[in-house]
Amino acid sequence: MKLKTKFIIASVLLTVIMVDMIWWFRATDSDNSFEVIKQNYLSVFPGFLQNPLLLTGIAIVFLVISGIFFVQTRKGNLLKIVSTVGFCLSFTLAFWQLFSLMFG
């Protein structure tokens, strides 16, 4: 697979998870109980995806794939800095998601 294609896939995967995390932050911005907040967050997903553990697992997989692709695209001179930032962000968010699994 070409480096440019891997970079695009990595960027899309990272963006999807970042949008998901922003949605979570927006959902938790209210004074409701945790159960109401969780239901509001999950309500935007199809029925088969309305499981927080499944969503966290998918997020971790997407972020690891994104991080690996960013590492591979760092070898090209054109995208070296952007790929390094994407790599760091992907793995930082993956560890954050893993941490949330332990205490969720």
PDB file of N, CA and C in Angstrom:
ATOM      1  N   MET A   1       0.842  -1.167   0.000  1.00  0.00           N
ATOM      2  CA  MET A   1       0.000   0.000   0.000  1.00  0.00           C
ATOM      3  C   MET A   1       0.895   1.241   0.000  1.00  0.00           C
ATOM      4  N   LYS A   2       0.503   2.243  -0.756  1.00  0.00           N
ATOM      5  CA  LYS A   2       1.300   3.466  -0.847  1.00  0.00           C
ATOM      6  C   LYS A   2       1.261   4.246   0.460  1.00  0.00           C
ATOM      7  N   LEU A   3       2.322   5.012   0.687  1.00  0.00           N
ATOM      8  CA  LEU A   3       2.413   5.812   1.908  1.00  0.00           C
ATOM      9  C   LEU A   3       1.286   6.839   1.996  1.00  0.00           C
ATOM     10  N   LYS A   4       0.939   7.440   0.866  1.00  0.00           N
ATOM     11  CA  LYS A   4      -0.119   8.448   0.869  1.00  0.00           C
ATOM     12  C   LYS A   4      -1.462   7.819   1.256  1.00  0.00           C
ATOM     13  N   THR A   5      -1.738   6.623   0.761  1.00  0.00           N
ATOM     14  CA  THR A   5      -2.979   5.922   1.100  1.00  0.00           C
ATOM     15  C   THR A   5      -3.015   5.585   2.583  1.00  0.00           C
ATOM     16  N   LYS A   6      -1.888   5.111   3.116  1.00  0.00           N
ATOM     17  CA  LYS A   6      -1.814   4.801   4.547  1.00  0.00           C
ATOM     18  C   LYS A   6      -2.014   6.059   5.386  1.00  0.00           C
ATOM     19  N   PHE A   7      -1.450   7.163   4.935  1.00  0.00           N
ATOM     20  CA  PHE A   7      -1.608   8.424   5.657  1.00  0.00           C
ATOM     21  C   PHE A   7      -3.072   8.855   5.680  1.00  0.00           C
ATOM     22  N   ILE A   8      -3.752   8.719   4.567  1.00  0.00           N
ATOM     23  CA  ILE A   8      -5.167   9.106   4.493  1.00  0.00           C
ATOM     24  C   ILE A   8      -6.016   8.210   5.392  1.00  0.00           C
ATOM     25  N   ILE A   9      -5.772   6.899   5.349  1.00  0.00           N
ATOM     26  CA  ILE A   9      -6.519   5.964   6.200  1.00  0.00           C
ATOM     27  C   ILE A   9      -6.271   6.284   7.671  1.00  0.00           C
ATOM     28  N   ALA A  10      -5.012   6.507   8.028  1.00  0.00           N
ATOM     29  CA  ALA A  10      -4.669   6.829   9.416  1.00  0.00           C
ATOM     30  C   ALA A  10      -5.350   8.117   9.854  1.00  0.00           C
ATOM     31  N   SER A  11      -5.367   9.104   8.989  1.00  0.00           N
ATOM     32  CA  SER A  11      -5.996  10.387   9.323  1.00  0.00           C
ATOM     33  C   SER A  11      -7.503  10.240   9.507  1.00  0.00           C
ATOM     34  N   VAL A  12      -8.141   9.450   8.647  1.00  0.00           N
ATOM     35  CA  VAL A  12      -9.589   9.239   8.761  1.00  0.00           C
ATOM     36  C   VAL A  12      -9.921   8.501  10.057  1.00  0.00           C
ATOM     37  N   LEU A  13      -9.168   7.444  10.362  1.00  0.00           N
ATOM     38  CA  LEU A  13      -9.418   6.689  11.592  1.00  0.00           C
ATOM     39  C   LEU A  13      -9.233   7.568  12.828  1.00  0.00           C
ATOM     40  N   LEU A  14      -8.171   8.354  12.844  1.00  0.00           N
ATOM     41  CA  LEU A  14      -7.923   9.248  13.974  1.00  0.00           C
ATOM     42  C   LEU A  14      -9.030  10.292  14.096  1.00  0.00           C
ATOM     43  N   THR A  15      -9.473  10.831  12.985  1.00  0.00           N
ATOM     44  CA  THR A  15     -10.537  11.833  12.998  1.00  0.00           C
ATOM     45  C   THR A  15     -11.850  11.250  13.517  1.00  0.00           C
ATOM     46  N   VAL A  16     -12.173  10.031  13.104  1.00  0.00           N
ATOM     47  CA  VAL A  16     -13.406   9.384  13.571  1.00  0.00           C
ATOM     48  C   VAL A  16     -13.399   9.252  15.089  1.00  0.00           C
ATOM     49  N   ILE A  17     -12.286   8.816  15.647  1.00  0.00           N
ATOM     50  CA  ILE A  17     -12.207   8.631  17.096  1.00  0.00           C
ATOM     51  C   ILE A  17     -12.193   9.976  17.818  1.00  0.00           C
ATOM     52  N   MET A  18     -11.541  10.963  17.243  1.00  0.00           N
ATOM     53  CA  MET A  18     -11.539  12.284  17.880  1.00  0.00           C
ATOM     54  C   MET A  18     -12.948  12.883  17.897  1.00  0.00           C
ATOM     55  N   VAL A  19     -13.712  12.690  16.827  1.00  0.00           N
ATOM     56  CA  VAL A  19     -15.098  13.161  16.800  1.00  0.00           C
ATOM     57  C   VAL A  19     -15.918  12.427  17.859  1.00  0.00           C
ATOM     58  N   ASP A  20     -15.689  11.120  17.992  1.00  0.00           N
ATOM     59  CA  ASP A  20     -16.373  10.336  19.021  1.00  0.00           C
ATOM     60  C   ASP A  20     -16.041  10.856  20.420  1.00  0.00           C
ATOM     61  N   MET A  21     -14.786  11.158  20.661  1.00  0.00           N
ATOM     62  CA  MET A  21     -14.386  11.664  21.977  1.00  0.00           C
ATOM     63  C   MET A  21     -14.965  13.059  22.227  1.00  0.00           C
ATOM     64  N   ILE A  22     -15.009  13.890  21.213  1.00  0.00           N
ATOM     65  CA  ILE A  22     -15.624  15.213  21.356  1.00  0.00           C
ATOM     66  C   ILE A  22     -17.106  15.059  21.683  1.00  0.00           C
ATOM     67  N   TRP A  23     -17.773  14.099  21.025  1.00  0.00           N
ATOM     68  CA  TRP A  23     -19.180  13.845  21.325  1.00  0.00           C
ATOM     69  C   TRP A  23     -19.342  13.422  22.790  1.00  0.00           C
ATOM     70  N   TRP A  24     -18.424  12.590  23.295  1.00  0.00           N
ATOM     71  CA  TRP A  24     -18.488  12.172  24.700  1.00  0.00           C
ATOM     72  C   TRP A  24     -18.326  13.381  25.624  1.00  0.00           C
ATOM     73  N   PHE A  25     -17.370  14.256  25.323  1.00  0.00           N
ATOM     74  CA  PHE A  25     -17.169  15.446  26.150  1.00  0.00           C
ATOM     75  C   PHE A  25     -18.405  16.345  26.130  1.00  0.00           C
ATOM     76  N   ARG A  26     -19.031  16.477  24.968  1.00  0.00           N
ATOM     77  CA  ARG A  26     -20.244  17.289  24.863  1.00  0.00           C
ATOM     78  C   ARG A  26     -21.392  16.662  25.651  1.00  0.00           C
ATOM     79  N   ALA A  27     -21.480  15.331  25.618  1.00  0.00           N
ATOM     80  CA  ALA A  27     -22.557  14.641  26.340  1.00  0.00           C
ATOM     81  C   ALA A  27     -22.381  14.771  27.851  1.00  0.00           C
ATOM     82  N   THR A  28     -21.147  14.793  28.314  1.00  0.00           N
ATOM     83  CA  THR A  28     -20.890  14.879  29.755  1.00  0.00           C
ATOM     84  C   THR A  28     -20.905  16.312  30.270  1.00  0.00           C
ATOM     85  N   ASP A  29     -21.209  17.247  29.414  1.00  0.00           N
ATOM     86  CA  ASP A  29     -21.199  18.660  29.790  1.00  0.00           C
ATOM     87  C   ASP A  29     -22.482  19.092  30.506  1.00  0.00           C
ATOM     88  N   SER A  30     -23.332  18.142  30.870  1.00  0.00           N
ATOM     89  CA  SER A  30     -24.589  18.488  31.539  1.00  0.00           C
ATOM     90  C   SER A  30     -24.551  18.052  33.001  1.00  0.00           C
ATOM     91  N   ASP A  31     -25.558  18.448  33.729  1.00  0.00           N
ATOM     92  CA  ASP A  31     -25.638  18.113  35.154  1.00  0.00           C
ATOM     93  C   ASP A  31     -26.463  16.856  35.414  1.00  0.00           C
ATOM     94  N   ASN A  32     -26.743  16.089  34.386  1.00  0.00           N
ATOM     95  CA  ASN A  32     -27.544  14.874  34.535  1.00  0.00           C
ATOM     96  C   ASN A  32     -26.749  13.778  35.227  1.00  0.00           C
ATOM     97  N   SER A  33     -27.439  12.712  35.599  1.00  0.00           N
ATOM     98  CA  SER A  33     -26.759  11.564  36.204  1.00  0.00           C
ATOM     99  C   SER A  33     -25.922  10.855  35.144  1.00  0.00           C
ATOM    100  N   PHE A  34     -24.994  10.031  35.604  1.00  0.00           N
ATOM    101  CA  PHE A  34     -24.101   9.338  34.678  1.00  0.00           C
ATOM    102  C   PHE A  34     -24.877   8.430  33.733  1.00  0.00           C
ATOM    103  N   GLU A  35     -25.914   7.761  34.235  1.00  0.00           N
ATOM    104  CA  GLU A  35     -26.704   6.860  33.386  1.00  0.00           C
ATOM    105  C   GLU A  35     -27.416   7.624  32.273  1.00  0.00           C
ATOM    106  N   VAL A  36     -27.949   8.802  32.579  1.00  0.00           N
ATOM    107  CA  VAL A  36     -28.613   9.623  31.563  1.00  0.00           C
ATOM    108  C   VAL A  36     -27.592  10.113  30.546  1.00  0.00           C
ATOM    109  N   ILE A  37     -26.436  10.539  31.023  1.00  0.00           N
ATOM    110  CA  ILE A  37     -25.370  10.997  30.126  1.00  0.00           C
ATOM    111  C   ILE A  37     -24.939   9.865  29.202  1.00  0.00           C
ATOM    112  N   LYS A  38     -24.754   8.676  29.762  1.00  0.00           N
ATOM    113  CA  LYS A  38     -24.328   7.523  28.963  1.00  0.00           C
ATOM    114  C   LYS A  38     -25.376   7.181  27.902  1.00  0.00           C
ATOM    115  N   GLN A  39     -26.647   7.225  28.265  1.00  0.00           N
ATOM    116  CA  GLN A  39     -27.708   6.941  27.292  1.00  0.00           C
ATOM    117  C   GLN A  39     -27.753   8.002  26.194  1.00  0.00           C
ATOM    118  N   ASN A  40     -27.551   9.267  26.556  1.00  0.00           N
ATOM    119  CA  ASN A  40     -27.511  10.335  25.549  1.00  0.00           C
ATOM    120  C   ASN A  40     -26.342  10.136  24.589  1.00  0.00           C
ATOM    121  N   TYR A  41     -25.206   9.743  25.121  1.00  0.00           N
ATOM    122  CA  TYR A  41     -24.023   9.493  24.292  1.00  0.00           C
ATOM    123  C   TYR A  41     -24.267   8.321  23.348  1.00  0.00           C
ATOM    124  N   LEU A  42     -24.806   7.231  23.872  1.00  0.00           N
ATOM    125  CA  LEU A  42     -25.007   6.022  23.073  1.00  0.00           C
ATOM    126  C   LEU A  42     -26.157   6.150  22.081  1.00  0.00           C
ATOM    127  N   SER A  43     -27.049   7.101  22.285  1.00  0.00           N
ATOM    128  CA  SER A  43     -28.238   7.213  21.437  1.00  0.00           C
ATOM    129  C   SER A  43     -27.921   7.544  19.981  1.00  0.00           C
ATOM    130  N   VAL A  44     -26.756   8.079  19.695  1.00  0.00           N
ATOM    131  CA  VAL A  44     -26.414   8.427  18.311  1.00  0.00           C
ATOM    132  C   VAL A  44     -25.875   7.236  17.526  1.00  0.00           C
ATOM    133  N   PHE A  45     -25.599   6.133  18.204  1.00  0.00           N
ATOM    134  CA  PHE A  45     -25.054   4.951  17.551  1.00  0.00           C
ATOM    135  C   PHE A  45     -26.170   3.972  17.207  1.00  0.00           C
ATOM    136  N   PRO A  46     -25.975   3.153  16.157  1.00  0.00           N
ATOM    137  CA  PRO A  46     -26.968   2.108  15.853  1.00  0.00           C
ATOM    138  C   PRO A  46     -27.078   1.132  17.022  1.00  0.00           C
ATOM    139  N   GLY A  47     -28.170   0.400  17.086  1.00  0.00           N
ATOM    140  CA  GLY A  47     -28.442  -0.499  18.199  1.00  0.00           C
ATOM    141  C   GLY A  47     -27.334  -1.490  18.494  1.00  0.00           C
ATOM    142  N   PHE A  48     -26.723  -2.055  17.445  1.00  0.00           N
ATOM    143  CA  PHE A  48     -25.683  -3.063  17.663  1.00  0.00           C
ATOM    144  C   PHE A  48     -24.380  -2.467  18.194  1.00  0.00           C
ATOM    145  N   LEU A  49     -24.247  -1.152  18.176  1.00  0.00           N
ATOM    146  CA  LEU A  49     -23.040  -0.493  18.695  1.00  0.00           C
ATOM    147  C   LEU A  49     -23.283   0.221  20.021  1.00  0.00           C
ATOM    148  N   GLN A  50     -24.439   0.044  20.624  1.00  0.00           N
ATOM    149  CA  GLN A  50     -24.752   0.764  21.858  1.00  0.00           C
ATOM    150  C   GLN A  50     -24.231   0.026  23.085  1.00  0.00           C
ATOM    151  N   ASN A  51     -22.971  -0.326  23.026  1.00  0.00           N
ATOM    152  CA  ASN A  51     -22.289  -0.976  24.140  1.00  0.00           C
ATOM    153  C   ASN A  51     -20.982  -0.215  24.374  1.00  0.00           C
ATOM    154  N   PRO A  52     -20.821   0.427  25.529  1.00  0.00           N
ATOM    155  CA  PRO A  52     -19.620   1.238  25.764  1.00  0.00           C
ATOM    156  C   PRO A  52     -18.314   0.447  25.667  1.00  0.00           C
ATOM    157  N   LEU A  53     -18.313  -0.805  26.118  1.00  0.00           N
ATOM    158  CA  LEU A  53     -17.088  -1.608  26.027  1.00  0.00           C
ATOM    159  C   LEU A  53     -16.728  -1.899  24.577  1.00  0.00           C
ATOM    160  N   LEU A  54     -17.732  -2.196  23.766  1.00  0.00           N
ATOM    161  CA  LEU A  54     -17.496  -2.445  22.346  1.00  0.00           C
ATOM    162  C   LEU A  54     -16.964  -1.187  21.669  1.00  0.00           C
ATOM    163  N   LEU A  55     -17.568  -0.045  21.968  1.00  0.00           N
ATOM    164  CA  LEU A  55     -17.106   1.215  21.371  1.00  0.00           C
ATOM    165  C   LEU A  55     -15.678   1.546  21.785  1.00  0.00           C
ATOM    166  N   THR A  56     -15.346   1.283  23.033  1.00  0.00           N
ATOM    167  CA  THR A  56     -13.979   1.532  23.500  1.00  0.00           C
ATOM    168  C   THR A  56     -13.004   0.588  22.813  1.00  0.00           C
ATOM    169  N   GLY A  57     -13.387  -0.673  22.656  1.00  0.00           N
ATOM    170  CA  GLY A  57     -12.532  -1.635  21.953  1.00  0.00           C
ATOM    171  C   GLY A  57     -12.304  -1.238  20.507  1.00  0.00           C
ATOM    172  N   ILE A  58     -13.368  -0.807  19.837  1.00  0.00           N
ATOM    173  CA  ILE A  58     -13.240  -0.346  18.450  1.00  0.00           C
ATOM    174  C   ILE A  58     -12.330   0.876  18.387  1.00  0.00           C
ATOM    175  N   ALA A  59     -12.483   1.784  19.334  1.00  0.00           N
ATOM    176  CA  ALA A  59     -11.642   2.987  19.361  1.00  0.00           C
ATOM    177  C   ALA A  59     -10.175   2.618  19.529  1.00  0.00           C
ATOM    178  N   ILE A  60      -9.885   1.673  20.412  1.00  0.00           N
ATOM    179  CA  ILE A  60      -8.494   1.255  20.622  1.00  0.00           C
ATOM    180  C   ILE A  60      -7.930   0.641  19.349  1.00  0.00           C
ATOM    181  N   VAL A  61      -8.698  -0.228  18.701  1.00  0.00           N
ATOM    182  CA  VAL A  61      -8.233  -0.860  17.457  1.00  0.00           C
ATOM    183  C   VAL A  61      -7.985   0.197  16.385  1.00  0.00           C
ATOM    184  N   PHE A  62      -8.931   1.118  16.199  1.00  0.00           N
ATOM    185  CA  PHE A  62      -8.765   2.178  15.202  1.00  0.00           C
ATOM    186  C   PHE A  62      -7.530   3.024  15.494  1.00  0.00           C
ATOM    187  N   LEU A  63      -7.318   3.363  16.760  1.00  0.00           N
ATOM    188  CA  LEU A  63      -6.177   4.207  17.119  1.00  0.00           C
ATOM    189  C   LEU A  63      -4.850   3.480  16.940  1.00  0.00           C
ATOM    190  N   VAL A  64      -4.806   2.194  17.247  1.00  0.00           N
ATOM    191  CA  VAL A  64      -3.568   1.432  17.049  1.00  0.00           C
ATOM    192  C   VAL A  64      -3.266   1.302  15.558  1.00  0.00           C
ATOM    193  N   ILE A  65      -4.281   0.996  14.750  1.00  0.00           N
ATOM    194  CA  ILE A  65      -4.072   0.925  13.297  1.00  0.00           C
ATOM    195  C   ILE A  65      -3.604   2.277  12.775  1.00  0.00           C
ATOM    196  N   SER A  66      -4.246   3.336  13.231  1.00  0.00           N
ATOM    197  CA  SER A  66      -3.856   4.683  12.824  1.00  0.00           C
ATOM    198  C   SER A  66      -2.410   4.975  13.213  1.00  0.00           C
ATOM    199  N   GLY A  67      -2.039   4.636  14.438  1.00  0.00           N
ATOM    200  CA  GLY A  67      -0.668   4.860  14.893  1.00  0.00           C
ATOM    201  C   GLY A  67       0.350   4.086  14.082  1.00  0.00           C
ATOM    202  N   ILE A  68       0.035   2.833  13.779  1.00  0.00           N
ATOM    203  CA  ILE A  68       0.951   2.011  12.974  1.00  0.00           C
ATOM    204  C   ILE A  68       1.113   2.612  11.583  1.00  0.00           C
ATOM    205  N   PHE A  69       0.001   3.024  10.972  1.00  0.00           N
ATOM    206  CA  PHE A  69       0.095   3.631   9.644  1.00  0.00           C
ATOM    207  C   PHE A  69       0.871   4.947   9.685  1.00  0.00           C
ATOM    208  N   PHE A  70       0.688   5.736  10.738  1.00  0.00           N
ATOM    209  CA  PHE A  70       1.459   6.977  10.855  1.00  0.00           C
ATOM    210  C   PHE A  70       2.951   6.678  11.011  1.00  0.00           C
ATOM    211  N   VAL A  71       3.298   5.632  11.751  1.00  0.00           N
ATOM    212  CA  VAL A  71       4.712   5.244  11.893  1.00  0.00           C
ATOM    213  C   VAL A  71       5.281   4.872  10.528  1.00  0.00           C
ATOM    214  N   GLN A  72       4.507   4.130   9.758  1.00  0.00           N
ATOM    215  CA  GLN A  72       4.984   3.711   8.442  1.00  0.00           C
ATOM    216  C   GLN A  72       5.121   4.885   7.481  1.00  0.00           C
ATOM    217  N   THR A  73       4.271   5.900   7.613  1.00  0.00           N
ATOM    218  CA  THR A  73       4.369   7.048   6.702  1.00  0.00           C
ATOM    219  C   THR A  73       5.427   8.052   7.144  1.00  0.00           C
ATOM    220  N   ARG A  74       5.972   7.888   8.346  1.00  0.00           N
ATOM    221  CA  ARG A  74       7.062   8.773   8.782  1.00  0.00           C
ATOM    222  C   ARG A  74       8.310   8.571   7.939  1.00  0.00           C
ATOM    223  N   LYS A  75       8.400   7.461   7.252  1.00  0.00           N
ATOM    224  CA  LYS A  75       9.584   7.176   6.442  1.00  0.00           C
ATOM    225  C   LYS A  75       9.663   8.072   5.211  1.00  0.00           C
ATOM    226  N   GLY A  76       8.528   8.597   4.778  1.00  0.00           N
ATOM    227  CA  GLY A  76       8.526   9.523   3.657  1.00  0.00           C
ATOM    228  C   GLY A  76       8.834  10.926   4.141  1.00  0.00           C
ATOM    229  N   ASN A  77       9.696  11.630   3.451  1.00  0.00           N
ATOM    230  CA  ASN A  77      10.132  12.959   3.885  1.00  0.00           C
ATOM    231  C   ASN A  77       9.004  13.984   3.876  1.00  0.00           C
ATOM    232  N   LEU A  78       8.068  13.825   2.960  1.00  0.00           N
ATOM    233  CA  LEU A  78       7.020  14.820   2.776  1.00  0.00           C
ATOM    234  C   LEU A  78       6.101  14.942   3.995  1.00  0.00           C
ATOM    235  N   LEU A  79       5.772  13.826   4.624  1.00  0.00           N
ATOM    236  CA  LEU A  79       4.792  13.829   5.711  1.00  0.00           C
ATOM    237  C   LEU A  79       5.402  13.505   7.066  1.00  0.00           C
ATOM    238  N   LYS A  80       6.690  13.687   7.211  1.00  0.00           N
ATOM    239  CA  LYS A  80       7.389  13.236   8.415  1.00  0.00           C
ATOM    240  C   LYS A  80       6.880  13.910   9.688  1.00  0.00           C
ATOM    241  N   ILE A  81       6.763  15.224   9.703  1.00  0.00           N
ATOM    242  CA  ILE A  81       6.351  15.943  10.911  1.00  0.00           C
ATOM    243  C   ILE A  81       4.883  15.663  11.229  1.00  0.00           C
ATOM    244  N   VAL A  82       4.025  15.744  10.219  1.00  0.00           N
ATOM    245  CA  VAL A  82       2.595  15.502  10.434  1.00  0.00           C
ATOM    246  C   VAL A  82       2.360  14.063  10.882  1.00  0.00           C
ATOM    247  N   SER A  83       3.083  13.130  10.310  1.00  0.00           N
ATOM    248  CA  SER A  83       2.951  11.724  10.694  1.00  0.00           C
ATOM    249  C   SER A  83       3.424  11.494  12.123  1.00  0.00           C
ATOM    250  N   THR A  84       4.468  12.177  12.525  1.00  0.00           N
ATOM    251  CA  THR A  84       4.960  12.044  13.897  1.00  0.00           C
ATOM    252  C   THR A  84       3.929  12.565  14.891  1.00  0.00           C
ATOM    253  N   VAL A  85       3.314  13.693  14.586  1.00  0.00           N
ATOM    254  CA  VAL A  85       2.263  14.234  15.454  1.00  0.00           C
ATOM    255  C   VAL A  85       1.071  13.274  15.494  1.00  0.00           C
ATOM    256  N   GLY A  86       0.675  12.756  14.338  1.00  0.00           N
ATOM    257  CA  GLY A  86      -0.430  11.802  14.279  1.00  0.00           C
ATOM    258  C   GLY A  86      -0.130  10.534  15.043  1.00  0.00           C
ATOM    259  N   PHE A  87       1.102  10.056  14.931  1.00  0.00           N
ATOM    260  CA  PHE A  87       1.535   8.858  15.663  1.00  0.00           C
ATOM    261  C   PHE A  87       1.437   9.088  17.165  1.00  0.00           C
ATOM    262  N   CYS A  88       1.980  10.207  17.634  1.00  0.00           N
ATOM    263  CA  CYS A  88       1.946  10.516  19.076  1.00  0.00           C
ATOM    264  C   CYS A  88       0.512  10.668  19.571  1.00  0.00           C
ATOM    265  N   LEU A  89      -0.312  11.360  18.822  1.00  0.00           N
ATOM    266  CA  LEU A  89      -1.703  11.565  19.206  1.00  0.00           C
ATOM    267  C   LEU A  89      -2.477  10.246  19.214  1.00  0.00           C
ATOM    268  N   SER A  90      -2.263   9.413  18.209  1.00  0.00           N
ATOM    269  CA  SER A  90      -2.968   8.129  18.125  1.00  0.00           C
ATOM    270  C   SER A  90      -2.654   7.241  19.313  1.00  0.00           C
ATOM    271  N   PHE A  91      -1.388   7.096  19.635  1.00  0.00           N
ATOM    272  CA  PHE A  91      -1.032   6.204  20.729  1.00  0.00           C
ATOM    273  C   PHE A  91      -1.368   6.798  22.097  1.00  0.00           C
ATOM    274  N   THR A  92      -1.313   8.124  22.226  1.00  0.00           N
ATOM    275  CA  THR A  92      -1.739   8.749  23.482  1.00  0.00           C
ATOM    276  C   THR A  92      -3.228   8.506  23.715  1.00  0.00           C
ATOM    277  N   LEU A  93      -4.033   8.705  22.685  1.00  0.00           N
ATOM    278  CA  LEU A  93      -5.469   8.468  22.818  1.00  0.00           C
ATOM    279  C   LEU A  93      -5.779   6.984  23.007  1.00  0.00           C
ATOM    280  N   ALA A  94      -4.985   6.100  22.394  1.00  0.00           N
ATOM    281  CA  ALA A  94      -5.192   4.658  22.585  1.00  0.00           C
ATOM    282  C   ALA A  94      -4.943   4.273  24.039  1.00  0.00           C
ATOM    283  N   PHE A  95      -3.892   4.809  24.635  1.00  0.00           N
ATOM    284  CA  PHE A  95      -3.628   4.523  26.045  1.00  0.00           C
ATOM    285  C   PHE A  95      -4.713   5.128  26.935  1.00  0.00           C
ATOM    286  N   TRP A  96      -5.217   6.290  26.568  1.00  0.00           N
ATOM    287  CA  TRP A  96      -6.305   6.910  27.308  1.00  0.00           C
ATOM    288  C   TRP A  96      -7.540   6.004  27.275  1.00  0.00           C
ATOM    289  N   GLN A  97      -7.856   5.480  26.087  1.00  0.00           N
ATOM    290  CA  GLN A  97      -9.000   4.571  25.960  1.00  0.00           C
ATOM    291  C   GLN A  97      -8.774   3.293  26.772  1.00  0.00           C
ATOM    292  N   LEU A  98      -7.558   2.781  26.739  1.00  0.00           N
ATOM    293  CA  LEU A  98      -7.237   1.584  27.519  1.00  0.00           C
ATOM    294  C   LEU A  98      -7.389   1.872  29.011  1.00  0.00           C
ATOM    295  N   PHE A  99      -6.939   3.019  29.438  1.00  0.00           N
ATOM    296  CA  PHE A  99      -7.074   3.430  30.832  1.00  0.00           C
ATOM    297  C   PHE A  99      -8.551   3.531  31.218  1.00  0.00           C
ATOM    298  N   SER A 100      -9.371   4.054  30.311  1.00  0.00           N
ATOM    299  CA  SER A 100     -10.802   4.176  30.614  1.00  0.00           C
ATOM    300  C   SER A 100     -11.468   2.810  30.717  1.00  0.00           C
ATOM    301  N   LEU A 101     -10.936   1.810  30.036  1.00  0.00           N
ATOM    302  CA  LEU A 101     -11.461   0.445  30.174  1.00  0.00           C
ATOM    303  C   LEU A 101     -11.206  -0.099  31.572  1.00  0.00           C
ATOM    304  N   MET A 102     -10.059   0.222  32.135  1.00  0.00           N
ATOM    305  CA  MET A 102      -9.702  -0.302  33.450  1.00  0.00           C
ATOM    306  C   MET A 102     -10.580   0.287  34.548  1.00  0.00           C
ATOM    307  N   PHE A 103     -11.007   1.529  34.381  1.00  0.00           N
ATOM    308  CA  PHE A 103     -11.762   2.195  35.435  1.00  0.00           C
ATOM    309  C   PHE A 103     -13.197   2.505  35.032  1.00  0.00           C
ATOM    310  N   GLY A 104     -13.645   1.973  33.887  1.00  0.00           N
ATOM    311  CA  GLY A 104     -14.990   2.276  33.400  1.00  0.00           C
ATOM    312  C   GLY A 104     -16.051   1.367  33.887  1.00  0.00           C
TER     313      GLY A 104
END
